[in-house]
Amino acid sequence: MIYRTRKPKPAPEGEQKMSKTAGQPSPNALIKVVDLLVENRIRIDAMEQILVKTNSVAYELYLGTIENLRAQKAAEVHRVLSRAIESQPAES
């Protein structure tokens, strides 16, 4: 099974720039990001189903890896948030 990734199309000049309202990215850019996330999630789900059906041992290793990555992510988020809170000046 061969998966092809789409080559990014050059965005029109205005889409790559931030919109002037509160520094937010343009809605079109956000829609594209969400579309790519959904597309990748579908691909991951399909590959996961193939893995379940073809190799249950590898699937168990995959699940263990996912759990470890989630724990690492939670620890990193906690560390970053703690540092951000500590760096804020105390309110009087």
N, C-alpha and C. Protein backbone atom coordinates (compact mmCIF):
# COMPACT_ATOMS: atom_id res chain seq x y z
N MET A 1 0.85 -1.17 0.00
CA MET A 1 0.00 0.00 0.00
C MET A 1 0.89 1.23 0.00
N ILE A 2 0.70 2.11 -0.92
CA ILE A 2 1.53 3.31 -1.05
C ILE A 2 0.67 4.52 -0.75
N TYR A 3 1.18 5.37 0.13
CA TYR A 3 0.49 6.61 0.45
C TYR A 3 1.26 7.75 -0.15
N ARG A 4 0.56 8.60 -0.80
CA ARG A 4 1.19 9.79 -1.35
C ARG A 4 0.77 10.98 -0.53
N THR A 5 1.72 11.81 -0.25
CA THR A 5 1.39 13.05 0.45
C THR A 5 1.24 14.15 -0.59
N ARG A 6 0.31 15.00 -0.30
CA ARG A 6 0.10 16.12 -1.23
C ARG A 6 1.20 17.14 -1.06
N LYS A 7 1.65 17.67 -2.18
CA LYS A 7 2.61 18.76 -2.12
C LYS A 7 1.82 20.02 -1.80
N PRO A 8 2.34 20.85 -0.90
CA PRO A 8 1.62 22.07 -0.58
C PRO A 8 1.54 22.99 -1.79
N LYS A 9 0.37 23.50 -1.99
CA LYS A 9 0.18 24.46 -3.07
C LYS A 9 0.60 25.83 -2.56
N PRO A 10 1.24 26.62 -3.39
CA PRO A 10 1.60 27.95 -2.92
C PRO A 10 0.33 28.75 -2.62
N ALA A 11 0.29 29.29 -1.42
CA ALA A 11 -0.89 30.05 -1.00
C ALA A 11 -0.85 31.44 -1.63
N PRO A 12 -2.02 31.96 -1.92
CA PRO A 12 -2.04 33.35 -2.39
C PRO A 12 -1.36 34.25 -1.37
N GLU A 13 -0.84 35.34 -1.84
CA GLU A 13 -0.01 36.20 -1.01
C GLU A 13 -0.67 36.59 0.31
N GLY A 14 -1.94 36.87 0.32
CA GLY A 14 -2.62 37.35 1.52
C GLY A 14 -2.86 36.27 2.56
N GLU A 15 -2.86 34.99 2.16
CA GLU A 15 -3.19 33.93 3.10
C GLU A 15 -2.05 33.62 4.06
N GLN A 16 -0.82 33.84 3.66
CA GLN A 16 0.29 33.51 4.53
C GLN A 16 0.52 34.58 5.59
N LYS A 17 0.02 35.74 5.37
CA LYS A 17 0.22 36.81 6.33
C LYS A 17 -0.85 36.73 7.41
N MET A 18 -0.50 37.22 8.56
CA MET A 18 -1.46 37.26 9.66
C MET A 18 -2.48 38.36 9.38
N SER A 19 -3.71 38.11 9.81
CA SER A 19 -4.71 39.15 9.64
C SER A 19 -4.42 40.27 10.62
N LYS A 20 -4.93 41.41 10.34
CA LYS A 20 -4.60 42.57 11.15
C LYS A 20 -5.39 42.62 12.45
N THR A 21 -6.43 41.81 12.60
CA THR A 21 -7.23 41.84 13.81
C THR A 21 -6.61 40.92 14.85
N ALA A 22 -6.02 41.50 15.84
CA ALA A 22 -5.47 40.81 17.00
C ALA A 22 -4.43 39.76 16.64
N GLY A 23 -3.75 39.91 15.51
CA GLY A 23 -2.69 38.98 15.14
C GLY A 23 -3.16 37.56 14.89
N GLN A 24 -4.40 37.36 14.55
CA GLN A 24 -4.94 36.02 14.30
C GLN A 24 -4.67 35.59 12.86
N PRO A 25 -4.38 34.29 12.66
CA PRO A 25 -4.22 33.81 11.29
C PRO A 25 -5.55 33.90 10.54
N SER A 26 -5.47 33.94 9.24
CA SER A 26 -6.69 34.05 8.47
C SER A 26 -7.53 32.79 8.63
N PRO A 27 -8.86 32.91 8.54
CA PRO A 27 -9.74 31.73 8.68
C PRO A 27 -9.43 30.64 7.65
N ASN A 28 -9.04 31.04 6.44
CA ASN A 28 -8.70 30.04 5.42
C ASN A 28 -7.52 29.19 5.85
N ALA A 29 -6.53 29.80 6.47
CA ALA A 29 -5.36 29.06 6.94
C ALA A 29 -5.76 28.07 8.03
N LEU A 30 -6.64 28.50 8.93
CA LEU A 30 -7.09 27.62 10.00
C LEU A 30 -7.90 26.45 9.44
N ILE A 31 -8.71 26.72 8.45
CA ILE A 31 -9.50 25.66 7.82
C ILE A 31 -8.57 24.63 7.18
N LYS A 32 -7.53 25.10 6.52
CA LYS A 32 -6.58 24.19 5.88
C LYS A 32 -5.86 23.33 6.92
N VAL A 33 -5.50 23.93 8.04
CA VAL A 33 -4.83 23.17 9.10
C VAL A 33 -5.77 22.10 9.65
N VAL A 34 -7.01 22.46 9.89
CA VAL A 34 -7.98 21.49 10.40
C VAL A 34 -8.19 20.37 9.38
N ASP A 35 -8.30 20.72 8.11
CA ASP A 35 -8.46 19.70 7.07
C ASP A 35 -7.30 18.72 7.07
N LEU A 36 -6.08 19.24 7.19
CA LEU A 36 -4.90 18.37 7.21
C LEU A 36 -4.89 17.49 8.45
N LEU A 37 -5.28 18.04 9.58
CA LEU A 37 -5.33 17.24 10.80
C LEU A 37 -6.34 16.11 10.68
N VAL A 38 -7.51 16.41 10.13
CA VAL A 38 -8.54 15.38 9.95
C VAL A 38 -8.06 14.32 8.97
N GLU A 39 -7.47 14.74 7.88
CA GLU A 39 -6.97 13.80 6.87
C GLU A 39 -5.92 12.87 7.48
N ASN A 40 -5.01 13.43 8.26
CA ASN A 40 -3.98 12.62 8.89
C ASN A 40 -4.55 11.68 9.94
N ARG A 41 -5.56 12.14 10.67
CA ARG A 41 -6.20 11.28 11.67
C ARG A 41 -6.87 10.09 10.99
N ILE A 42 -7.50 10.32 9.85
CA ILE A 42 -8.13 9.24 9.10
C ILE A 42 -7.08 8.23 8.66
N ARG A 43 -5.95 8.71 8.16
CA ARG A 43 -4.88 7.82 7.73
C ARG A 43 -4.32 7.01 8.90
N ILE A 44 -4.12 7.66 10.04
CA ILE A 44 -3.61 6.97 11.22
C ILE A 44 -4.60 5.90 11.67
N ASP A 45 -5.89 6.23 11.68
CA ASP A 45 -6.90 5.24 12.07
C ASP A 45 -6.89 4.04 11.13
N ALA A 46 -6.75 4.29 9.83
CA ALA A 46 -6.72 3.20 8.86
C ALA A 46 -5.49 2.32 9.09
N MET A 47 -4.34 2.94 9.30
CA MET A 47 -3.12 2.16 9.54
C MET A 47 -3.23 1.38 10.86
N GLU A 48 -3.87 1.97 11.85
CA GLU A 48 -4.06 1.28 13.12
C GLU A 48 -4.94 0.04 12.94
N GLN A 49 -5.99 0.15 12.15
CA GLN A 49 -6.86 -0.99 11.88
C GLN A 49 -6.10 -2.10 11.15
N ILE A 50 -5.26 -1.72 10.22
CA ILE A 50 -4.45 -2.70 9.50
C ILE A 50 -3.51 -3.40 10.47
N LEU A 51 -2.91 -2.62 11.36
CA LEU A 51 -1.98 -3.19 12.34
C LEU A 51 -2.69 -4.16 13.27
N VAL A 52 -3.89 -3.81 13.72
CA VAL A 52 -4.67 -4.69 14.60
C VAL A 52 -4.91 -6.03 13.91
N LYS A 53 -5.28 -5.98 12.65
CA LYS A 53 -5.64 -7.20 11.93
C LYS A 53 -4.43 -8.03 11.53
N THR A 54 -3.29 -7.41 11.33
CA THR A 54 -2.14 -8.15 10.81
C THR A 54 -1.13 -8.56 11.88
N ASN A 55 -0.98 -7.78 12.95
CA ASN A 55 0.05 -8.09 13.93
C ASN A 55 -0.34 -7.54 15.30
N SER A 56 -0.94 -8.39 16.10
CA SER A 56 -1.44 -7.93 17.40
C SER A 56 -0.31 -7.57 18.36
N VAL A 57 0.84 -8.24 18.25
CA VAL A 57 1.98 -7.92 19.12
C VAL A 57 2.49 -6.52 18.82
N ALA A 58 2.65 -6.21 17.55
CA ALA A 58 3.09 -4.87 17.16
C ALA A 58 2.07 -3.83 17.58
N TYR A 59 0.80 -4.18 17.53
CA TYR A 59 -0.25 -3.24 17.95
C TYR A 59 -0.13 -2.94 19.44
N GLU A 60 0.16 -3.94 20.24
CA GLU A 60 0.33 -3.72 21.68
C GLU A 60 1.54 -2.82 21.94
N LEU A 61 2.61 -3.02 21.19
CA LEU A 61 3.77 -2.14 21.32
C LEU A 61 3.42 -0.71 20.92
N TYR A 62 2.63 -0.59 19.87
CA TYR A 62 2.16 0.72 19.40
C TYR A 62 1.37 1.42 20.50
N LEU A 63 0.44 0.67 21.12
CA LEU A 63 -0.36 1.28 22.20
C LEU A 63 0.51 1.71 23.37
N GLY A 64 1.51 0.89 23.71
CA GLY A 64 2.43 1.26 24.78
C GLY A 64 3.21 2.52 24.45
N THR A 65 3.62 2.65 23.20
CA THR A 65 4.34 3.84 22.76
C THR A 65 3.45 5.07 22.85
N ILE A 66 2.20 4.93 22.43
CA ILE A 66 1.25 6.04 22.49
C ILE A 66 1.06 6.48 23.94
N GLU A 67 0.90 5.53 24.86
CA GLU A 67 0.74 5.87 26.27
C GLU A 67 1.96 6.61 26.80
N ASN A 68 3.16 6.15 26.44
CA ASN A 68 4.39 6.82 26.87
C ASN A 68 4.47 8.24 26.32
N LEU A 69 4.11 8.41 25.05
CA LEU A 69 4.15 9.75 24.46
C LEU A 69 3.14 10.68 25.12
N ARG A 70 1.97 10.16 25.46
CA ARG A 70 0.98 10.99 26.16
C ARG A 70 1.49 11.42 27.52
N ALA A 71 2.14 10.50 28.24
CA ALA A 71 2.70 10.84 29.54
C ALA A 71 3.80 11.90 29.40
N GLN A 72 4.66 11.74 28.39
CA GLN A 72 5.71 12.73 28.14
C GLN A 72 5.11 14.08 27.80
N LYS A 73 4.07 14.08 27.00
CA LYS A 73 3.41 15.33 26.62
C LYS A 73 2.82 16.01 27.84
N ALA A 74 2.14 15.24 28.69
CA ALA A 74 1.55 15.82 29.90
C ALA A 74 2.61 16.42 30.81
N ALA A 75 3.72 15.72 30.96
CA ALA A 75 4.81 16.23 31.79
C ALA A 75 5.40 17.51 31.20
N GLU A 76 5.56 17.54 29.89
CA GLU A 76 6.11 18.73 29.23
C GLU A 76 5.16 19.92 29.36
N VAL A 77 3.87 19.68 29.16
CA VAL A 77 2.88 20.75 29.30
C VAL A 77 2.90 21.28 30.73
N HIS A 78 2.94 20.37 31.69
CA HIS A 78 2.98 20.78 33.10
C HIS A 78 4.23 21.61 33.39
N ARG A 79 5.37 21.18 32.86
CA ARG A 79 6.63 21.90 33.08
C ARG A 79 6.57 23.30 32.48
N VAL A 80 6.06 23.40 31.25
CA VAL A 80 5.98 24.70 30.57
C VAL A 80 5.00 25.62 31.28
N LEU A 81 3.85 25.09 31.67
CA LEU A 81 2.87 25.92 32.38
C LEU A 81 3.40 26.38 33.74
N SER A 82 4.08 25.49 34.43
CA SER A 82 4.66 25.87 35.73
C SER A 82 5.69 26.98 35.56
N ARG A 83 6.53 26.86 34.53
CA ARG A 83 7.53 27.88 34.28
C ARG A 83 6.86 29.20 33.90
N ALA A 84 5.80 29.14 33.11
CA ALA A 84 5.10 30.36 32.70
C ALA A 84 4.45 31.05 33.90
N ILE A 85 3.88 30.26 34.78
CA ILE A 85 3.24 30.83 35.97
C ILE A 85 4.29 31.44 36.89
N GLU A 86 5.43 30.77 37.06
CA GLU A 86 6.49 31.28 37.92
C GLU A 86 7.10 32.57 37.37
N SER A 87 7.13 32.70 36.06
CA SER A 87 7.76 33.87 35.45
C SER A 87 6.86 35.10 35.44
N GLN A 88 5.56 34.90 35.69
CA GLN A 88 4.65 36.06 35.71
C GLN A 88 4.88 36.84 37.00
N PRO A 89 4.86 38.17 36.89
CA PRO A 89 5.04 38.98 38.11
C PRO A 89 3.84 38.79 39.05
N ALA A 90 4.12 38.83 40.32
CA ALA A 90 3.05 38.66 41.32
C ALA A 90 2.12 39.85 41.28
N GLU A 91 0.81 39.58 41.33
CA GLU A 91 -0.18 40.66 41.32
C GLU A 91 -0.37 41.15 42.74
N SER A 92 -0.55 42.48 42.90
CA SER A 92 -0.75 43.01 44.24
C SER A 92 -2.18 43.32 44.52
